[in-house]
């Protein structure tokens, strides 16, 4: 569960090696983007798109 992750290595429940290491992310406005997990979550550079309380 994303809210328990403290590092990118903690995201072990995600099948990050499938589909060339990417997944489809659907956004509230209806668009979809094909991204790597590290593009959505990487605490080393303060990136966390899984936690709405951290949204800009």
C-alpha atoms as a PDB file:
ATOM      1  CA  UNK A   1       0.000   0.000   0.000  1.00  0.00           C
ATOM      2  CA  UNK A   2       1.495   3.258  -1.128  1.00  0.00           C
ATOM      3  CA  UNK A   3       0.951   5.174   2.108  1.00  0.00           C
ATOM      4  CA  UNK A   4       3.293   2.758   3.924  1.00  0.00           C
ATOM      5  CA  UNK A   5       6.203   3.138   1.496  1.00  0.00           C
ATOM      6  CA  UNK A   6       9.280   4.993   2.741  1.00  0.00           C
ATOM      7  CA  UNK A   7      11.568   4.256  -0.216  1.00  0.00           C
ATOM      8  CA  UNK A   8      11.233   3.148  -3.817  1.00  0.00           C
ATOM      9  CA  UNK A   9      12.534  -0.302  -2.782  1.00  0.00           C
ATOM     10  CA  UNK A  10       9.532  -0.654  -0.426  1.00  0.00           C
ATOM     11  CA  UNK A  11       7.149  -0.706  -3.369  1.00  0.00           C
ATOM     12  CA  UNK A  12       7.617  -4.470  -3.761  1.00  0.00           C
ATOM     13  CA  UNK A  13       3.912  -5.234  -4.253  1.00  0.00           C
ATOM     14  CA  UNK A  14       3.960  -3.477  -7.616  1.00  0.00           C
ATOM     15  CA  UNK A  15       4.737  -5.601 -10.672  1.00  0.00           C
ATOM     16  CA  UNK A  16       7.212  -3.022 -11.985  1.00  0.00           C
ATOM     17  CA  UNK A  17       8.925  -5.365 -14.445  1.00  0.00           C
ATOM     18  CA  UNK A  18       5.865  -5.947 -16.627  1.00  0.00           C
ATOM     19  CA  UNK A  19       4.979  -3.868 -19.683  1.00  0.00           C
ATOM     20  CA  UNK A  20       8.518  -2.539 -20.129  1.00  0.00           C
ATOM     21  CA  UNK A  21       8.515  -1.346 -16.510  1.00  0.00           C
ATOM     22  CA  UNK A  22       5.581   1.000 -17.028  1.00  0.00           C
ATOM     23  CA  UNK A  23       1.906   1.206 -16.136  1.00  0.00           C
ATOM     24  CA  UNK A  24      -1.096   3.240 -17.224  1.00  0.00           C
ATOM     25  CA  UNK A  25      -2.095   5.956 -14.743  1.00  0.00           C
ATOM     26  CA  UNK A  26      -5.598   7.423 -15.064  1.00  0.00           C
ATOM     27  CA  UNK A  27      -6.150  10.988 -13.859  1.00  0.00           C
ATOM     28  CA  UNK A  28      -9.321  12.658 -12.550  1.00  0.00           C
ATOM     29  CA  UNK A  29      -9.612  14.825 -15.675  1.00  0.00           C
ATOM     30  CA  UNK A  30      -9.874  11.675 -17.821  1.00  0.00           C
ATOM     31  CA  UNK A  31      -6.425  11.546 -19.395  1.00  0.00           C
ATOM     32  CA  UNK A  32      -4.080   8.570 -19.066  1.00  0.00           C
ATOM     33  CA  UNK A  33      -0.276   8.556 -19.000  1.00  0.00           C
ATOM     34  CA  UNK A  34       2.135   5.640 -19.370  1.00  0.00           C
ATOM     35  CA  UNK A  35       4.774   6.039 -16.619  1.00  0.00           C
ATOM     36  CA  UNK A  36       7.429   4.174 -14.690  1.00  0.00           C
ATOM     37  CA  UNK A  37       6.845   3.764 -10.942  1.00  0.00           C
ATOM     38  CA  UNK A  38       9.866   5.985 -10.199  1.00  0.00           C
ATOM     39  CA  UNK A  39       8.137   8.786 -12.134  1.00  0.00           C
ATOM     40  CA  UNK A  40       5.281   8.701  -9.610  1.00  0.00           C
ATOM     41  CA  UNK A  41       7.079   7.796  -6.383  1.00  0.00           C
ATOM     42  CA  UNK A  42      10.656   8.531  -5.310  1.00  0.00           C
ATOM     43  CA  UNK A  43      11.172   9.924  -1.794  1.00  0.00           C
ATOM     44  CA  UNK A  44      14.860  10.587  -2.509  1.00  0.00           C
ATOM     45  CA  UNK A  45      13.756  13.556  -4.625  1.00  0.00           C
ATOM     46  CA  UNK A  46      10.533  14.287  -2.683  1.00  0.00           C
ATOM     47  CA  UNK A  47       8.195  12.871  -5.355  1.00  0.00           C
ATOM     48  CA  UNK A  48       5.001  11.162  -4.145  1.00  0.00           C
ATOM     49  CA  UNK A  49       1.984  11.243  -6.433  1.00  0.00           C
ATOM     50  CA  UNK A  50       0.277   8.496  -4.398  1.00  0.00           C
ATOM     51  CA  UNK A  51      -0.440  10.638  -1.337  1.00  0.00           C
ATOM     52  CA  UNK A  52      -3.015  13.390  -1.996  1.00  0.00           C
ATOM     53  CA  UNK A  53      -1.951  15.314   1.117  1.00  0.00           C
ATOM     54  CA  UNK A  54       1.398  16.022  -0.592  1.00  0.00           C
ATOM     55  CA  UNK A  55      -0.104  17.439  -3.783  1.00  0.00           C
ATOM     56  CA  UNK A  56       1.131  20.905  -4.795  1.00  0.00           C
END
